[in-house]
Amino acid sequence: MLKFYLYVYDSDNRPINGAEKALEGAVGTSIPHLAALKQVTGEAVYLDDIPVMGNEAYAAMVLSSEGNAAISSVDPSEALEMEGVIGYISAEDVSGYNADETHNGNIIGPIIHDEEIFAAKRVYYVNQMIGLIIAKIEILARRAARKVKVKVTYADKQPLVVTIEDAIETNSFFEVERAIPMQPIPSLVSPE
């Protein structure tokens, strides 16, 4: 309907009447979102709009059912025995991939690389991702992910901290300062 409307009224360029306002700079100026036109006209292509290709595989997350615990073992063997399951990916599989001197491949972050893709030794919250099951069919991947046996231990279990008062009472604070170090800027003026 919108395409028809735009087609019919394409040449309707009447001058705007009413209040006028002089604007300088970008503040107050309408800047269209780059993808907005495709979205509102129905032309944007989303992942679910793309037809299924041959030989696709599906992934399902293996999530922690516990929080604030050490991972003692992960056993995907029962899931891997299911027909149609291709494999299991965990921190061990990605820790060397894309690694450099500042982080291994399992650590990500937009600016400060401090978040694990897959929990390796400890889960900090319920539903933290531990691994991925890869299968030929989506429903099979989900079923197989539930078959992965994750055992956790609470040897160093800490009290649950939910409120600021809980944090003060248990002396639970983030001591790591999050800062981006400033780099020296070379002088643009040569010394005389």
C-alpha atoms as a PDB file:
ATOM      1  CA  MET A   1       0.000   0.000   0.000  1.00  0.00           C
ATOM      2  CA  LEU A   2       2.798   2.410   0.886  1.00  0.00           C
ATOM      3  CA  LYS A   3       4.559   1.726  -2.439  1.00  0.00           C
ATOM      4  CA  PHE A   4       1.330   2.555  -4.299  1.00  0.00           C
ATOM      5  CA  TYR A   5       0.905   5.740  -2.278  1.00  0.00           C
ATOM      6  CA  LEU A   6       4.498   6.808  -2.996  1.00  0.00           C
ATOM      7  CA  TYR A   7       4.030   6.024  -6.699  1.00  0.00           C
ATOM      8  CA  VAL A   8       0.811   8.024  -6.997  1.00  0.00           C
ATOM      9  CA  TYR A   9       1.995  11.018  -4.987  1.00  0.00           C
ATOM     10  CA  ASP A  10       5.578  11.056  -6.231  1.00  0.00           C
ATOM     11  CA  SER A  11       5.043  14.311  -8.118  1.00  0.00           C
ATOM     12  CA  ASP A  12       3.084  15.979  -5.328  1.00  0.00           C
ATOM     13  CA  ASN A  13       5.705  18.474  -4.175  1.00  0.00           C
ATOM     14  CA  ARG A  14       3.677  21.210  -2.559  1.00  0.00           C
ATOM     15  CA  PRO A  15       5.589  23.848  -0.630  1.00  0.00           C
ATOM     16  CA  ILE A  16       5.461  23.596   3.135  1.00  0.00           C
ATOM     17  CA  ASN A  17       3.491  26.421   4.663  1.00  0.00           C
ATOM     18  CA  GLY A  18       3.327  27.508   8.248  1.00  0.00           C
ATOM     19  CA  ALA A  19       6.003  28.132  10.805  1.00  0.00           C
ATOM     20  CA  GLU A  20       9.521  28.309   9.498  1.00  0.00           C
ATOM     21  CA  LYS A  21      12.569  27.764  11.582  1.00  0.00           C
ATOM     22  CA  ALA A  22      16.141  28.420  10.562  1.00  0.00           C
ATOM     23  CA  LEU A  23      18.427  25.616  11.638  1.00  0.00           C
ATOM     24  CA  GLU A  24      22.178  25.609  11.619  1.00  0.00           C
ATOM     25  CA  GLY A  25      24.254  22.489  12.006  1.00  0.00           C
ATOM     26  CA  ALA A  26      23.064  18.986  12.703  1.00  0.00           C
ATOM     27  CA  VAL A  27      21.156  19.730  15.903  1.00  0.00           C
ATOM     28  CA  GLY A  28      17.453  19.821  15.117  1.00  0.00           C
ATOM     29  CA  THR A  29      17.927  18.463  11.595  1.00  0.00           C
ATOM     30  CA  SER A  30      16.062  15.348  10.547  1.00  0.00           C
ATOM     31  CA  ILE A  31      18.503  12.677   9.497  1.00  0.00           C
ATOM     32  CA  PRO A  32      16.811   9.578   8.070  1.00  0.00           C
ATOM     33  CA  HIS A  33      18.009   6.228   9.341  1.00  0.00           C
ATOM     34  CA  LEU A  34      19.874   4.407   6.577  1.00  0.00           C
ATOM     35  CA  ALA A  35      17.753   1.260   6.801  1.00  0.00           C
ATOM     36  CA  ALA A  36      14.435   2.919   7.644  1.00  0.00           C
ATOM     37  CA  LEU A  37      13.202   3.269   4.054  1.00  0.00           C
ATOM     38  CA  LYS A  38      13.664  -0.440   3.358  1.00  0.00           C
ATOM     39  CA  GLN A  39      12.005  -1.360   6.645  1.00  0.00           C
ATOM     40  CA  VAL A  40       8.900   0.776   6.197  1.00  0.00           C
ATOM     41  CA  THR A  41       8.439  -0.239   2.560  1.00  0.00           C
ATOM     42  CA  GLY A  42       8.799  -3.936   3.327  1.00  0.00           C
ATOM     43  CA  GLU A  43      11.947  -4.299   1.219  1.00  0.00           C
ATOM     44  CA  ALA A  44      14.313  -5.081   4.113  1.00  0.00           C
ATOM     45  CA  VAL A  45      15.465  -8.700   4.098  1.00  0.00           C
ATOM     46  CA  TYR A  46      15.613 -10.419   7.469  1.00  0.00           C
ATOM     47  CA  LEU A  47      17.182 -13.762   8.305  1.00  0.00           C
ATOM     48  CA  ASP A  48      13.794 -15.480   8.465  1.00  0.00           C
ATOM     49  CA  ASP A  49      12.980 -14.132   4.973  1.00  0.00           C
ATOM     50  CA  ILE A  50      15.888 -16.000   3.374  1.00  0.00           C
ATOM     51  CA  PRO A  51      14.906 -19.437   2.022  1.00  0.00           C
ATOM     52  CA  VAL A  52      16.523 -22.489   3.572  1.00  0.00           C
ATOM     53  CA  MET A  53      19.655 -23.532   1.710  1.00  0.00           C
ATOM     54  CA  GLY A  54      20.981 -27.063   1.389  1.00  0.00           C
ATOM     55  CA  ASN A  55      23.340 -28.467   4.032  1.00  0.00           C
ATOM     56  CA  GLU A  56      22.435 -25.906   6.693  1.00  0.00           C
ATOM     57  CA  ALA A  57      23.186 -26.680  10.312  1.00  0.00           C
ATOM     58  CA  TYR A  58      21.406 -25.360  13.383  1.00  0.00           C
ATOM     59  CA  ALA A  59      22.851 -24.423  16.751  1.00  0.00           C
ATOM     60  CA  ALA A  60      21.241 -24.576  20.172  1.00  0.00           C
ATOM     61  CA  MET A  61      22.795 -23.112  23.294  1.00  0.00           C
ATOM     62  CA  VAL A  62      23.760 -25.240  26.265  1.00  0.00           C
ATOM     63  CA  LEU A  63      22.878 -22.996  29.208  1.00  0.00           C
ATOM     64  CA  SER A  64      23.679 -23.167  32.904  1.00  0.00           C
ATOM     65  CA  SER A  65      20.817 -24.079  35.189  1.00  0.00           C
ATOM     66  CA  GLU A  66      22.753 -22.739  38.187  1.00  0.00           C
ATOM     67  CA  GLY A  67      24.475 -19.484  38.961  1.00  0.00           C
ATOM     68  CA  ASN A  68      27.520 -18.510  40.999  1.00  0.00           C
ATOM     69  CA  ALA A  69      29.168 -21.938  40.828  1.00  0.00           C
ATOM     70  CA  ALA A  70      32.303 -23.606  39.499  1.00  0.00           C
ATOM     71  CA  ILE A  71      31.904 -25.888  36.479  1.00  0.00           C
ATOM     72  CA  SER A  72      33.290 -29.288  37.478  1.00  0.00           C
ATOM     73  CA  SER A  73      32.415 -31.161  34.270  1.00  0.00           C
ATOM     74  CA  VAL A  74      30.552 -30.911  30.983  1.00  0.00           C
ATOM     75  CA  ASP A  75      29.593 -34.163  29.256  1.00  0.00           C
ATOM     76  CA  PRO A  76      28.020 -33.822  25.784  1.00  0.00           C
ATOM     77  CA  SER A  77      28.422 -37.544  24.941  1.00  0.00           C
ATOM     78  CA  GLU A  78      24.713 -38.432  25.187  1.00  0.00           C
ATOM     79  CA  ALA A  79      23.817 -35.520  22.910  1.00  0.00           C
ATOM     80  CA  LEU A  80      26.561 -36.385  20.419  1.00  0.00           C
ATOM     81  CA  GLU A  81      25.222 -39.953  20.101  1.00  0.00           C
ATOM     82  CA  MET A  82      21.867 -38.685  18.807  1.00  0.00           C
ATOM     83  CA  GLU A  83      21.379 -39.201  15.077  1.00  0.00           C
ATOM     84  CA  GLY A  84      21.668 -35.901  13.208  1.00  0.00           C
ATOM     85  CA  VAL A  85      23.839 -34.165  15.809  1.00  0.00           C
ATOM     86  CA  ILE A  86      26.988 -32.833  14.158  1.00  0.00           C
ATOM     87  CA  GLY A  87      29.045 -31.594  17.081  1.00  0.00           C
ATOM     88  CA  TYR A  88      29.548 -29.628  20.275  1.00  0.00           C
ATOM     89  CA  ILE A  89      31.442 -26.334  20.613  1.00  0.00           C
ATOM     90  CA  SER A  90      32.733 -24.998  23.939  1.00  0.00           C
ATOM     91  CA  ALA A  91      35.358 -22.626  25.337  1.00  0.00           C
ATOM     92  CA  GLU A  92      38.064 -25.198  24.598  1.00  0.00           C
ATOM     93  CA  ASP A  93      37.251 -25.016  20.894  1.00  0.00           C
ATOM     94  CA  VAL A  94      37.418 -21.233  20.555  1.00  0.00           C
ATOM     95  CA  SER A  95      40.047 -20.246  23.130  1.00  0.00           C
ATOM     96  CA  GLY A  96      42.867 -20.192  20.581  1.00  0.00           C
ATOM     97  CA  TYR A  97      40.834 -18.788  17.692  1.00  0.00           C
ATOM     98  CA  ASN A  98      41.345 -15.083  16.984  1.00  0.00           C
ATOM     99  CA  ALA A  99      43.587 -14.789  20.044  1.00  0.00           C
ATOM    100  CA  ASP A 100      46.201 -12.106  20.513  1.00  0.00           C
ATOM    101  CA  GLU A 101      48.438 -10.893  23.325  1.00  0.00           C
ATOM    102  CA  THR A 102      45.560  -9.196  25.190  1.00  0.00           C
ATOM    103  CA  HIS A 103      42.879 -11.899  25.136  1.00  0.00           C
ATOM    104  CA  ASN A 104      42.142 -15.424  24.054  1.00  0.00           C
ATOM    105  CA  GLY A 105      39.467 -16.153  21.474  1.00  0.00           C
ATOM    106  CA  ASN A 106      36.828 -16.938  24.116  1.00  0.00           C
ATOM    107  CA  ILE A 107      36.991 -13.426  25.591  1.00  0.00           C
ATOM    108  CA  ILE A 108      35.051 -10.651  23.866  1.00  0.00           C
ATOM    109  CA  GLY A 109      33.819  -7.151  24.532  1.00  0.00           C
ATOM    110  CA  PRO A 110      33.051  -4.023  22.542  1.00  0.00           C
ATOM    111  CA  ILE A 111      35.893  -1.980  24.057  1.00  0.00           C
ATOM    112  CA  ILE A 112      37.222  -3.834  27.082  1.00  0.00           C
ATOM    113  CA  HIS A 113      37.560  -7.536  26.353  1.00  0.00           C
ATOM    114  CA  ASP A 114      36.278  -9.023  29.606  1.00  0.00           C
ATOM    115  CA  GLU A 115      33.335 -11.295  28.802  1.00  0.00           C
ATOM    116  CA  GLU A 116      33.480 -14.995  27.987  1.00  0.00           C
ATOM    117  CA  ILE A 117      31.575 -16.298  24.974  1.00  0.00           C
ATOM    118  CA  PHE A 118      31.309 -19.715  26.633  1.00  0.00           C
ATOM    119  CA  ALA A 119      31.664 -20.145  30.393  1.00  0.00           C
ATOM    120  CA  ALA A 120      34.887 -22.084  30.871  1.00  0.00           C
ATOM    121  CA  LYS A 121      35.485 -22.581  34.589  1.00  0.00           C
ATOM    122  CA  ARG A 122      32.672 -20.796  36.381  1.00  0.00           C
ATOM    123  CA  VAL A 123      29.075 -19.729  35.760  1.00  0.00           C
ATOM    124  CA  TYR A 124      28.059 -16.407  37.235  1.00  0.00           C
ATOM    125  CA  TYR A 125      24.345 -16.450  36.460  1.00  0.00           C
ATOM    126  CA  VAL A 126      21.545 -18.801  35.435  1.00  0.00           C
ATOM    127  CA  ASN A 127      21.330 -19.327  31.649  1.00  0.00           C
ATOM    128  CA  GLN A 128      24.949 -18.376  31.031  1.00  0.00           C
ATOM    129  CA  MET A 129      26.090 -20.005  27.776  1.00  0.00           C
ATOM    130  CA  ILE A 130      28.403 -22.984  28.284  1.00  0.00           C
ATOM    131  CA  GLY A 131      28.432 -24.377  24.748  1.00  0.00           C
ATOM    132  CA  LEU A 132      26.590 -24.963  21.478  1.00  0.00           C
ATOM    133  CA  ILE A 133      25.164 -28.160  20.030  1.00  0.00           C
ATOM    134  CA  ILE A 134      25.206 -28.246  16.226  1.00  0.00           C
ATOM    135  CA  ALA A 135      22.621 -30.440  14.460  1.00  0.00           C
ATOM    136  CA  LYS A 136      20.966 -30.934  11.074  1.00  0.00           C
ATOM    137  CA  ILE A 137      17.499 -29.900  12.332  1.00  0.00           C
ATOM    138  CA  GLU A 138      16.673 -27.052  14.708  1.00  0.00           C
ATOM    139  CA  ILE A 139      14.398 -29.056  17.007  1.00  0.00           C
ATOM    140  CA  LEU A 140      17.043 -31.783  17.235  1.00  0.00           C
ATOM    141  CA  ALA A 141      19.668 -29.220  18.234  1.00  0.00           C
ATOM    142  CA  ARG A 142      17.396 -27.964  21.023  1.00  0.00           C
ATOM    143  CA  ARG A 143      16.645 -31.476  22.280  1.00  0.00           C
ATOM    144  CA  ALA A 144      20.312 -32.455  22.176  1.00  0.00           C
ATOM    145  CA  ALA A 145      21.343 -29.294  24.052  1.00  0.00           C
ATOM    146  CA  ARG A 146      19.123 -30.389  26.942  1.00  0.00           C
ATOM    147  CA  LYS A 147      20.946 -33.758  26.999  1.00  0.00           C
ATOM    148  CA  VAL A 148      24.352 -32.194  27.750  1.00  0.00           C
ATOM    149  CA  LYS A 149      25.214 -32.944  31.380  1.00  0.00           C
ATOM    150  CA  VAL A 150      26.729 -29.997  33.236  1.00  0.00           C
ATOM    151  CA  LYS A 151      27.921 -30.524  36.809  1.00  0.00           C
ATOM    152  CA  VAL A 152      28.725 -27.580  39.043  1.00  0.00           C
ATOM    153  CA  THR A 153      30.187 -27.360  42.542  1.00  0.00           C
ATOM    154  CA  TYR A 154      29.505 -24.863  45.266  1.00  0.00           C
ATOM    155  CA  ALA A 155      32.752 -25.321  47.235  1.00  0.00           C
ATOM    156  CA  ASP A 156      33.312 -21.577  47.230  1.00  0.00           C
ATOM    157  CA  LYS A 157      29.653 -20.590  47.177  1.00  0.00           C
ATOM    158  CA  GLN A 158      29.179 -16.943  47.950  1.00  0.00           C
ATOM    159  CA  PRO A 159      26.045 -15.256  49.260  1.00  0.00           C
ATOM    160  CA  LEU A 160      23.528 -13.999  46.742  1.00  0.00           C
ATOM    161  CA  VAL A 161      23.991 -10.271  46.119  1.00  0.00           C
ATOM    162  CA  VAL A 162      20.894  -8.655  44.642  1.00  0.00           C
ATOM    163  CA  THR A 163      20.662  -5.170  46.142  1.00  0.00           C
ATOM    164  CA  ILE A 164      23.112  -2.391  46.924  1.00  0.00           C
ATOM    165  CA  GLU A 165      22.578  -3.114  50.612  1.00  0.00           C
ATOM    166  CA  ASP A 166      23.581  -6.766  50.010  1.00  0.00           C
ATOM    167  CA  ALA A 167      26.751  -5.593  48.252  1.00  0.00           C
ATOM    168  CA  ILE A 168      27.668  -3.278  51.143  1.00  0.00           C
ATOM    169  CA  GLU A 169      26.924  -5.956  53.748  1.00  0.00           C
ATOM    170  CA  THR A 170      29.040  -8.625  52.002  1.00  0.00           C
ATOM    171  CA  ASN A 171      31.733  -6.155  50.890  1.00  0.00           C
ATOM    172  CA  SER A 172      31.089  -7.174  47.274  1.00  0.00           C
ATOM    173  CA  PHE A 173      32.342  -4.457  44.952  1.00  0.00           C
ATOM    174  CA  PHE A 174      33.845  -4.296  41.489  1.00  0.00           C
ATOM    175  CA  GLU A 175      37.429  -3.373  42.227  1.00  0.00           C
ATOM    176  CA  VAL A 176      38.603  -3.450  38.634  1.00  0.00           C
ATOM    177  CA  GLU A 177      38.684   0.040  37.207  1.00  0.00           C
ATOM    178  CA  ARG A 178      37.303   0.148  33.684  1.00  0.00           C
ATOM    179  CA  ALA A 179      39.363   2.688  31.797  1.00  0.00           C
ATOM    180  CA  ILE A 180      40.798   3.083  28.352  1.00  0.00           C
ATOM    181  CA  PRO A 181      44.428   4.202  28.721  1.00  0.00           C
ATOM    182  CA  MET A 182      45.323   7.414  26.962  1.00  0.00           C
ATOM    183  CA  GLN A 183      48.017   7.121  24.354  1.00  0.00           C
ATOM    184  CA  PRO A 184      50.574   9.901  23.850  1.00  0.00           C
ATOM    185  CA  ILE A 185      49.845  12.086  20.849  1.00  0.00           C
ATOM    186  CA  PRO A 186      52.908  12.985  18.804  1.00  0.00           C
ATOM    187  CA  SER A 187      53.602  16.673  18.604  1.00  0.00           C
ATOM    188  CA  LEU A 188      52.405  18.282  15.394  1.00  0.00           C
ATOM    189  CA  VAL A 189      54.742  21.232  15.824  1.00  0.00           C
ATOM    190  CA  SER A 190      58.428  20.555  15.359  1.00  0.00           C
ATOM    191  CA  PRO A 191      60.678  21.868  18.142  1.00  0.00           C
ATOM    192  CA  GLU A 192      62.686  24.948  17.252  1.00  0.00           C
END
